[in-house]
Amino acid sequence: MPVDAPRRATTPAPTAYAVEVHDLRKTYRNRKGRFQAVGGLDLRVPSGGVHGFLGPNGSGKTTTIRMLLGLIKPDAGTIRIFQQDIPAALPRVIDRIGAVVEQPKFFPAFSGRRNLELLATGIAAPAPRVGEVLDEVGLTGRDRDRFGTYSLGMKQRLAIAATLLKDPELLIFDEPTNGLDPAGIHEIRATMRSLAERGKTVLVSSHILSEVQQVADTVSIIGRGRLLAEGAVEDILAAVGGQTVR
């Protein structure tokens, strides 16, 4: 699939996009010289539903996500979230965004609930919100257990619960099922679908096409920092097939 001729699905375009990226670029310097992580990327994430962000390891997914969140600055290009220019408008929209981009870090000796209570206090979230988000991610029955006893899937779900404390509209997950067993993967998939059904927009990155197929409504495929294909999942599956993006 040529990188200079991205495929677009023929399904009707939504009236609004939660995320719009145009000609995004980021180059790093290392001992060997310059390395282009993202090279002219275009990306559109429809409002509502789950959007897969698919590409092999090293294709620029994480770098792109970090630019969306204002963690690193792009060299060129534009980012718009909720029709606001990023990073300039990030302070105005940051409370509408939740993200899990690293391994969750909580106090292992504290319960899942206690960890969330501490976070809620720090961000002035109402106390009842803790119980609500635990219920949303399916951890109500294990909320009194120590975090250190949680499975990897439960730890990821608690991290998602933490991002939900502010009730964000856009949720960004970077490879959330990495290292999980089948049960944990199923739990995360169910959580993402549940969030989408409640009107949230979920952007989830992965390098496995079949994984995106299980959960996403639409998908963008990138390679070497550029868009290869974008559209409804069923259209992209028909075009490229396979299990792993290379």
C-alpha atoms as a PDB file:
ATOM      1  CA  MET A   1       0.000   0.000   0.000  1.00  0.00           C
ATOM      2  CA  PRO A   2       1.776   3.211  -1.094  1.00  0.00           C
ATOM      3  CA  VAL A   3       2.415   5.725   1.652  1.00  0.00           C
ATOM      4  CA  ASP A   4       1.829   8.679  -0.677  1.00  0.00           C
ATOM      5  CA  ALA A   5      -1.678   7.530  -1.611  1.00  0.00           C
ATOM      6  CA  PRO A   6      -3.632   6.901   1.591  1.00  0.00           C
ATOM      7  CA  ARG A   7      -6.889   5.020   1.182  1.00  0.00           C
ATOM      8  CA  ARG A   8     -10.037   6.715   2.438  1.00  0.00           C
ATOM      9  CA  ALA A   9     -13.249   4.873   3.165  1.00  0.00           C
ATOM     10  CA  THR A  10     -16.328   5.835   1.199  1.00  0.00           C
ATOM     11  CA  THR A  11     -18.537   5.963   4.294  1.00  0.00           C
ATOM     12  CA  PRO A  12     -20.127   9.375   4.984  1.00  0.00           C
ATOM     13  CA  ALA A  13     -17.949  11.797   6.911  1.00  0.00           C
ATOM     14  CA  PRO A  14     -19.103  12.821  10.375  1.00  0.00           C
ATOM     15  CA  THR A  15     -20.142  16.406  10.946  1.00  0.00           C
ATOM     16  CA  ALA A  16     -17.328  16.890  13.453  1.00  0.00           C
ATOM     17  CA  TYR A  17     -14.040  15.319  14.435  1.00  0.00           C
ATOM     18  CA  ALA A  18     -12.748  15.103  17.970  1.00  0.00           C
ATOM     19  CA  VAL A  19      -9.172  15.135  16.636  1.00  0.00           C
ATOM     20  CA  GLU A  20      -7.813  16.518  13.366  1.00  0.00           C
ATOM     21  CA  VAL A  21      -4.138  16.385  12.437  1.00  0.00           C
ATOM     22  CA  HIS A  22      -2.600  17.772   9.256  1.00  0.00           C
ATOM     23  CA  ASP A  23       0.965  17.410   7.966  1.00  0.00           C
ATOM     24  CA  LEU A  24       2.307  16.632  11.447  1.00  0.00           C
ATOM     25  CA  ARG A  25       6.088  16.229  11.654  1.00  0.00           C
ATOM     26  CA  LYS A  26       8.596  15.335  14.337  1.00  0.00           C
ATOM     27  CA  THR A  27      12.298  14.591  13.928  1.00  0.00           C
ATOM     28  CA  TYR A  28      14.673  13.446  16.649  1.00  0.00           C
ATOM     29  CA  ARG A  29      18.439  13.633  16.760  1.00  0.00           C
ATOM     30  CA  ASN A  30      20.560  10.746  17.972  1.00  0.00           C
ATOM     31  CA  ARG A  31      24.159   9.596  17.659  1.00  0.00           C
ATOM     32  CA  LYS A  32      23.556   8.459  14.102  1.00  0.00           C
ATOM     33  CA  GLY A  33      22.039  11.751  13.016  1.00  0.00           C
ATOM     34  CA  ARG A  34      18.413  12.677  12.428  1.00  0.00           C
ATOM     35  CA  PHE A  35      15.482  10.281  12.714  1.00  0.00           C
ATOM     36  CA  GLN A  36      12.053  11.246  11.406  1.00  0.00           C
ATOM     37  CA  ALA A  37       9.462   9.719  13.746  1.00  0.00           C
ATOM     38  CA  VAL A  38       6.454  11.411  12.145  1.00  0.00           C
ATOM     39  CA  GLY A  39       6.662  12.710   8.585  1.00  0.00           C
ATOM     40  CA  GLY A  40       3.647  14.585   7.264  1.00  0.00           C
ATOM     41  CA  LEU A  41       0.905  12.691   9.100  1.00  0.00           C
ATOM     42  CA  ASP A  42      -2.781  13.373   8.491  1.00  0.00           C
ATOM     43  CA  LEU A  43      -5.260  11.920  10.986  1.00  0.00           C
ATOM     44  CA  ARG A  44      -8.972  12.328  11.671  1.00  0.00           C
ATOM     45  CA  VAL A  45     -10.761  10.846  14.677  1.00  0.00           C
ATOM     46  CA  PRO A  46     -14.578  10.975  14.425  1.00  0.00           C
ATOM     47  CA  SER A  47     -16.512  12.163  17.457  1.00  0.00           C
ATOM     48  CA  GLY A  48     -18.025   9.216  19.316  1.00  0.00           C
ATOM     49  CA  GLY A  49     -17.086   5.547  19.049  1.00  0.00           C
ATOM     50  CA  VAL A  50     -13.730   3.787  19.130  1.00  0.00           C
ATOM     51  CA  HIS A  51     -11.058   4.797  16.609  1.00  0.00           C
ATOM     52  CA  GLY A  52      -8.094   2.485  16.120  1.00  0.00           C
ATOM     53  CA  PHE A  53      -4.651   4.007  15.531  1.00  0.00           C
ATOM     54  CA  LEU A  54      -2.791   1.153  13.893  1.00  0.00           C
ATOM     55  CA  GLY A  55       0.836   0.720  12.899  1.00  0.00           C
ATOM     56  CA  PRO A  56       3.928  -1.395  13.549  1.00  0.00           C
ATOM     57  CA  ASN A  57       6.241  -0.654  16.432  1.00  0.00           C
ATOM     58  CA  GLY A  58       8.318   2.395  15.562  1.00  0.00           C
ATOM     59  CA  SER A  59       5.761   3.774  13.110  1.00  0.00           C
ATOM     60  CA  GLY A  60       5.191   6.982  15.072  1.00  0.00           C
ATOM     61  CA  LYS A  61       2.069   6.132  17.073  1.00  0.00           C
ATOM     62  CA  THR A  62       3.413   6.997  20.512  1.00  0.00           C
ATOM     63  CA  THR A  63       5.167  10.129  19.271  1.00  0.00           C
ATOM     64  CA  THR A  64       1.907  11.283  17.692  1.00  0.00           C
ATOM     65  CA  ILE A  65      -0.059  10.617  20.873  1.00  0.00           C
ATOM     66  CA  ARG A  66       2.466  12.532  22.946  1.00  0.00           C
ATOM     67  CA  MET A  67       2.129  15.484  20.575  1.00  0.00           C
ATOM     68  CA  LEU A  68      -1.665  15.327  20.856  1.00  0.00           C
ATOM     69  CA  LEU A  69      -1.320  15.559  24.629  1.00  0.00           C
ATOM     70  CA  GLY A  70       1.171  18.422  24.508  1.00  0.00           C
ATOM     71  CA  LEU A  71       3.936  16.299  26.044  1.00  0.00           C
ATOM     72  CA  ILE A  72       6.260  17.012  23.132  1.00  0.00           C
ATOM     73  CA  LYS A  73       6.164  19.805  20.569  1.00  0.00           C
ATOM     74  CA  PRO A  74       5.790  19.046  16.855  1.00  0.00           C
ATOM     75  CA  ASP A  75       8.302  20.467  14.404  1.00  0.00           C
ATOM     76  CA  ALA A  76       5.535  21.341  11.944  1.00  0.00           C
ATOM     77  CA  GLY A  77       1.893  20.688  11.163  1.00  0.00           C
ATOM     78  CA  THR A  78      -1.382  21.372  12.924  1.00  0.00           C
ATOM     79  CA  ILE A  79      -3.325  19.599  15.668  1.00  0.00           C
ATOM     80  CA  ARG A  80      -6.928  20.423  16.485  1.00  0.00           C
ATOM     81  CA  ILE A  81      -8.841  18.822  19.360  1.00  0.00           C
ATOM     82  CA  PHE A  82     -12.493  19.788  19.753  1.00  0.00           C
ATOM     83  CA  GLN A  83     -11.866  22.368  17.002  1.00  0.00           C
ATOM     84  CA  GLN A  84      -9.192  24.038  19.158  1.00  0.00           C
ATOM     85  CA  ASP A  85      -5.565  24.494  18.087  1.00  0.00           C
ATOM     86  CA  ILE A  86      -3.066  22.451  20.102  1.00  0.00           C
ATOM     87  CA  PRO A  87      -0.841  23.162  21.983  1.00  0.00           C
ATOM     88  CA  ALA A  88      -2.009  26.805  22.259  1.00  0.00           C
ATOM     89  CA  ALA A  89      -5.530  25.879  23.396  1.00  0.00           C
ATOM     90  CA  LEU A  90      -4.535  22.840  25.475  1.00  0.00           C
ATOM     91  CA  PRO A  91      -5.249  24.550  28.829  1.00  0.00           C
ATOM     92  CA  ARG A  92      -8.841  25.131  27.674  1.00  0.00           C
ATOM     93  CA  VAL A  93      -9.497  21.530  26.613  1.00  0.00           C
ATOM     94  CA  ILE A  94      -7.233  19.450  28.857  1.00  0.00           C
ATOM     95  CA  ASP A  95     -10.045  18.636  31.305  1.00  0.00           C
ATOM     96  CA  ARG A  96     -12.005  17.147  28.397  1.00  0.00           C
ATOM     97  CA  ILE A  97      -9.182  14.667  27.664  1.00  0.00           C
ATOM     98  CA  GLY A  98      -8.137  11.543  29.548  1.00  0.00           C
ATOM     99  CA  ALA A  99      -5.156   9.379  28.621  1.00  0.00           C
ATOM    100  CA  VAL A 100      -3.327   6.203  29.598  1.00  0.00           C
ATOM    101  CA  VAL A 101       0.034   6.280  27.834  1.00  0.00           C
ATOM    102  CA  GLU A 102       2.320   4.518  30.316  1.00  0.00           C
ATOM    103  CA  GLN A 103       2.177   1.664  32.806  1.00  0.00           C
ATOM    104  CA  PRO A 104      -0.181   2.669  35.629  1.00  0.00           C
ATOM    105  CA  LYS A 105       1.513   3.866  38.816  1.00  0.00           C
ATOM    106  CA  PHE A 106      -0.403   3.549  42.074  1.00  0.00           C
ATOM    107  CA  PHE A 107       0.455   2.838  45.705  1.00  0.00           C
ATOM    108  CA  PRO A 108       0.672  -0.984  45.835  1.00  0.00           C
ATOM    109  CA  ALA A 109      -0.229  -1.218  49.542  1.00  0.00           C
ATOM    110  CA  PHE A 110      -3.389   0.874  49.140  1.00  0.00           C
ATOM    111  CA  SER A 111      -6.672  -0.412  47.808  1.00  0.00           C
ATOM    112  CA  GLY A 112      -7.850   0.512  44.351  1.00  0.00           C
ATOM    113  CA  ARG A 113     -10.536   2.699  45.899  1.00  0.00           C
ATOM    114  CA  ARG A 114      -8.087   4.481  48.217  1.00  0.00           C
ATOM    115  CA  ASN A 115      -5.756   5.222  45.319  1.00  0.00           C
ATOM    116  CA  LEU A 116      -8.634   6.816  43.413  1.00  0.00           C
ATOM    117  CA  GLU A 117      -9.789   8.754  46.483  1.00  0.00           C
ATOM    118  CA  LEU A 118      -6.349  10.341  46.755  1.00  0.00           C
ATOM    119  CA  LEU A 119      -6.385  11.260  43.072  1.00  0.00           C
ATOM    120  CA  ALA A 120      -9.916  12.640  43.325  1.00  0.00           C
ATOM    121  CA  THR A 121      -8.885  14.876  46.218  1.00  0.00           C
ATOM    122  CA  GLY A 122      -5.943  16.203  44.211  1.00  0.00           C
ATOM    123  CA  ILE A 123      -8.110  17.211  41.254  1.00  0.00           C
ATOM    124  CA  ALA A 124     -11.139  18.309  43.317  1.00  0.00           C
ATOM    125  CA  ALA A 125     -13.385  15.621  41.848  1.00  0.00           C
ATOM    126  CA  PRO A 126     -16.566  15.009  43.876  1.00  0.00           C
ATOM    127  CA  ALA A 127     -16.276  12.067  46.278  1.00  0.00           C
ATOM    128  CA  PRO A 128     -19.160  10.069  44.721  1.00  0.00           C
ATOM    129  CA  ARG A 129     -17.269  10.067  41.432  1.00  0.00           C
ATOM    130  CA  VAL A 130     -14.858   7.420  42.777  1.00  0.00           C
ATOM    131  CA  GLY A 131     -17.614   4.850  43.134  1.00  0.00           C
ATOM    132  CA  GLU A 132     -19.039   5.776  39.756  1.00  0.00           C
ATOM    133  CA  VAL A 133     -15.791   5.226  37.854  1.00  0.00           C
ATOM    134  CA  LEU A 134     -15.074   1.962  39.657  1.00  0.00           C
ATOM    135  CA  ASP A 135     -18.458   0.757  38.496  1.00  0.00           C
ATOM    136  CA  GLU A 136     -17.818   1.998  34.951  1.00  0.00           C
ATOM    137  CA  VAL A 137     -14.679  -0.157  34.628  1.00  0.00           C
ATOM    138  CA  GLY A 138     -16.124  -3.169  36.452  1.00  0.00           C
ATOM    139  CA  LEU A 139     -13.950  -3.034  39.584  1.00  0.00           C
ATOM    140  CA  THR A 140     -16.630  -2.436  42.213  1.00  0.00           C
ATOM    141  CA  GLY A 141     -16.265  -5.930  43.652  1.00  0.00           C
ATOM    142  CA  ARG A 142     -12.477  -5.620  43.987  1.00  0.00           C
ATOM    143  CA  ASP A 143     -12.186  -1.972  44.994  1.00  0.00           C
ATOM    144  CA  ARG A 144     -11.147  -2.776  48.590  1.00  0.00           C
ATOM    145  CA  ASP A 145      -8.331  -5.103  47.501  1.00  0.00           C
ATOM    146  CA  ARG A 146      -4.757  -3.835  47.530  1.00  0.00           C
ATOM    147  CA  PHE A 147      -3.533  -2.568  44.184  1.00  0.00           C
ATOM    148  CA  GLY A 148      -0.493  -4.833  44.508  1.00  0.00           C
ATOM    149  CA  THR A 149      -2.763  -7.885  44.270  1.00  0.00           C
ATOM    150  CA  TYR A 150      -4.424  -6.780  41.025  1.00  0.00           C
ATOM    151  CA  SER A 151      -3.848  -8.570  37.733  1.00  0.00           C
ATOM    152  CA  LEU A 152      -2.371  -6.556  34.854  1.00  0.00           C
ATOM    153  CA  GLY A 153      -5.814  -6.192  33.337  1.00  0.00           C
ATOM    154  CA  MET A 154      -7.249  -4.876  36.596  1.00  0.00           C
ATOM    155  CA  LYS A 155      -4.369  -2.416  36.919  1.00  0.00           C
ATOM    156  CA  GLN A 156      -5.103  -1.103  33.447  1.00  0.00           C
ATOM    157  CA  ARG A 157      -8.788  -0.768  34.273  1.00  0.00           C
ATOM    158  CA  LEU A 158      -7.939   1.175  37.433  1.00  0.00           C
ATOM    159  CA  ALA A 159      -5.767   3.481  35.322  1.00  0.00           C
ATOM    160  CA  ILE A 160      -8.742   4.017  33.010  1.00  0.00           C
ATOM    161  CA  ALA A 161     -10.927   4.703  36.058  1.00  0.00           C
ATOM    162  CA  ALA A 162      -8.448   7.367  37.154  1.00  0.00           C
ATOM    163  CA  THR A 163      -8.726   9.111  33.789  1.00  0.00           C
ATOM    164  CA  LEU A 164     -12.529   9.056  34.102  1.00  0.00           C
ATOM    165  CA  LEU A 165     -12.601  11.002  37.373  1.00  0.00           C
ATOM    166  CA  LYS A 166     -12.934  14.289  35.462  1.00  0.00           C
ATOM    167  CA  ASP A 167     -15.510  12.738  33.093  1.00  0.00           C
ATOM    168  CA  PRO A 168     -13.508  13.499  29.907  1.00  0.00           C
ATOM    169  CA  GLU A 169     -15.070  13.388  26.453  1.00  0.00           C
ATOM    170  CA  LEU A 170     -11.952  12.070  24.671  1.00  0.00           C
ATOM    171  CA  LEU A 171      -9.954   9.088  25.938  1.00  0.00           C
ATOM    172  CA  ILE A 172      -6.557   8.181  24.476  1.00  0.00           C
ATOM    173  CA  PHE A 173      -5.020   4.768  25.153  1.00  0.00           C
ATOM    174  CA  ASP A 174      -1.551   3.795  23.896  1.00  0.00           C
ATOM    175  CA  GLU A 175      -1.327   0.003  23.399  1.00  0.00           C
ATOM    176  CA  PRO A 176      -3.529  -0.698  26.460  1.00  0.00           C
ATOM    177  CA  THR A 177      -3.568  -4.498  26.004  1.00  0.00           C
ATOM    178  CA  ASN A 178       0.211  -4.985  25.793  1.00  0.00           C
ATOM    179  CA  GLY A 179       1.321  -7.802  28.079  1.00  0.00           C
ATOM    180  CA  LEU A 180      -2.204  -8.803  29.097  1.00  0.00           C
ATOM    181  CA  ASP A 181      -3.546 -12.344  29.112  1.00  0.00           C
ATOM    182  CA  PRO A 182      -6.705 -13.149  27.100  1.00  0.00           C
ATOM    183  CA  ALA A 183      -8.962 -12.405  30.067  1.00  0.00           C
ATOM    184  CA  GLY A 184      -7.319  -9.022  30.596  1.00  0.00           C
ATOM    185  CA  ILE A 185      -7.592  -8.187  26.895  1.00  0.00           C
ATOM    186  CA  HIS A 186     -11.296  -9.026  26.967  1.00  0.00           C
ATOM    187  CA  GLU A 187     -11.795  -6.773  30.000  1.00  0.00           C
ATOM    188  CA  ILE A 188     -10.110  -3.793  28.329  1.00  0.00           C
ATOM    189  CA  ARG A 189     -12.060  -4.315  25.101  1.00  0.00           C
ATOM    190  CA  ALA A 190     -15.327  -4.402  27.033  1.00  0.00           C
ATOM    191  CA  THR A 191     -14.381  -1.249  28.924  1.00  0.00           C
ATOM    192  CA  MET A 192     -13.584   0.659  25.725  1.00  0.00           C
ATOM    193  CA  ARG A 193     -16.817  -0.414  24.051  1.00  0.00           C
ATOM    194  CA  SER A 194     -18.797   0.561  27.146  1.00  0.00           C
ATOM    195  CA  LEU A 195     -17.204   4.016  27.140  1.00  0.00           C
ATOM    196  CA  ALA A 196     -18.056   4.496  23.471  1.00  0.00           C
ATOM    197  CA  GLU A 197     -21.640   3.414  24.073  1.00  0.00           C
ATOM    198  CA  ARG A 198     -21.900   6.183  26.663  1.00  0.00           C
ATOM    199  CA  GLY A 199     -20.923   8.766  24.072  1.00  0.00           C
ATOM    200  CA  LYS A 200     -17.178   9.000  24.691  1.00  0.00           C
ATOM    201  CA  THR A 201     -14.616   9.192  21.901  1.00  0.00           C
ATOM    202  CA  VAL A 202     -11.894   6.561  22.356  1.00  0.00           C
ATOM    203  CA  LEU A 203      -8.597   6.679  20.434  1.00  0.00           C
ATOM    204  CA  VAL A 204      -6.654   3.445  20.929  1.00  0.00           C
ATOM    205  CA  SER A 205      -3.290   2.572  19.399  1.00  0.00           C
ATOM    206  CA  SER A 206      -2.213  -0.966  18.519  1.00  0.00           C
ATOM    207  CA  HIS A 207       0.106  -2.842  16.174  1.00  0.00           C
ATOM    208  CA  ILE A 208      -2.301  -5.774  15.739  1.00  0.00           C
ATOM    209  CA  LEU A 209      -5.035  -5.427  13.141  1.00  0.00           C
ATOM    210  CA  SER A 210      -7.177  -8.225  14.566  1.00  0.00           C
ATOM    211  CA  GLU A 211      -7.107  -6.515  17.966  1.00  0.00           C
ATOM    212  CA  VAL A 212      -8.443  -3.279  16.474  1.00  0.00           C
ATOM    213  CA  GLN A 213     -11.045  -5.285  14.559  1.00  0.00           C
ATOM    214  CA  GLN A 214     -12.488  -6.540  17.857  1.00  0.00           C
ATOM    215  CA  VAL A 215     -13.173  -3.105  19.317  1.00  0.00           C
ATOM    216  CA  ALA A 216     -12.941  -0.225  16.818  1.00  0.00           C
ATOM    217  CA  ASP A 217     -15.532   1.395  14.570  1.00  0.00           C
ATOM    218  CA  THR A 218     -13.013   3.300  12.442  1.00  0.00           C
ATOM    219  CA  VAL A 219      -9.264   3.092  11.992  1.00  0.00           C
ATOM    220  CA  SER A 220      -6.225   4.992  10.758  1.00  0.00           C
ATOM    221  CA  ILE A 221      -3.207   2.932   9.675  1.00  0.00           C
ATOM    222  CA  ILE A 222       0.217   4.562   9.658  1.00  0.00           C
ATOM    223  CA  GLY A 223       3.682   3.476   8.593  1.00  0.00           C
ATOM    224  CA  ARG A 224       6.950   5.370   8.899  1.00  0.00           C
ATOM    225  CA  GLY A 225       5.087   8.307  10.346  1.00  0.00           C
ATOM    226  CA  ARG A 226       2.622   8.749   7.482  1.00  0.00           C
ATOM    227  CA  LEU A 227      -0.985   7.787   6.840  1.00  0.00           C
ATOM    228  CA  LEU A 228      -1.509   4.612   4.823  1.00  0.00           C
ATOM    229  CA  ALA A 229      -5.256   4.101   5.131  1.00  0.00           C
ATOM    230  CA  GLU A 230      -8.200   5.493   7.027  1.00  0.00           C
ATOM    231  CA  GLY A 231     -11.886   4.649   7.290  1.00  0.00           C
ATOM    232  CA  ALA A 232     -14.414   2.169   8.606  1.00  0.00           C
ATOM    233  CA  VAL A 233     -12.826  -0.976  10.027  1.00  0.00           C
ATOM    234  CA  GLU A 234     -14.668  -3.325   7.669  1.00  0.00           C
ATOM    235  CA  ASP A 235     -13.467  -1.334   4.642  1.00  0.00           C
ATOM    236  CA  ILE A 236      -9.859  -1.369   5.807  1.00  0.00           C
ATOM    237  CA  LEU A 237      -9.999  -5.090   6.593  1.00  0.00           C
ATOM    238  CA  ALA A 238     -11.238  -5.771   3.088  1.00  0.00           C
ATOM    239  CA  ALA A 239      -8.373  -3.713   1.678  1.00  0.00           C
ATOM    240  CA  VAL A 240      -5.417  -5.003   3.700  1.00  0.00           C
ATOM    241  CA  GLY A 241      -6.455  -8.102   5.689  1.00  0.00           C
ATOM    242  CA  GLY A 242      -3.898  -9.853   7.876  1.00  0.00           C
ATOM    243  CA  GLN A 243      -3.247  -9.913  11.587  1.00  0.00           C
ATOM    244  CA  THR A 244      -0.229  -7.682  12.139  1.00  0.00           C
ATOM    245  CA  VAL A 245       0.720  -4.417  10.477  1.00  0.00           C
ATOM    246  CA  ARG A 246       4.269  -4.504   9.118  1.00  0.00           C
END
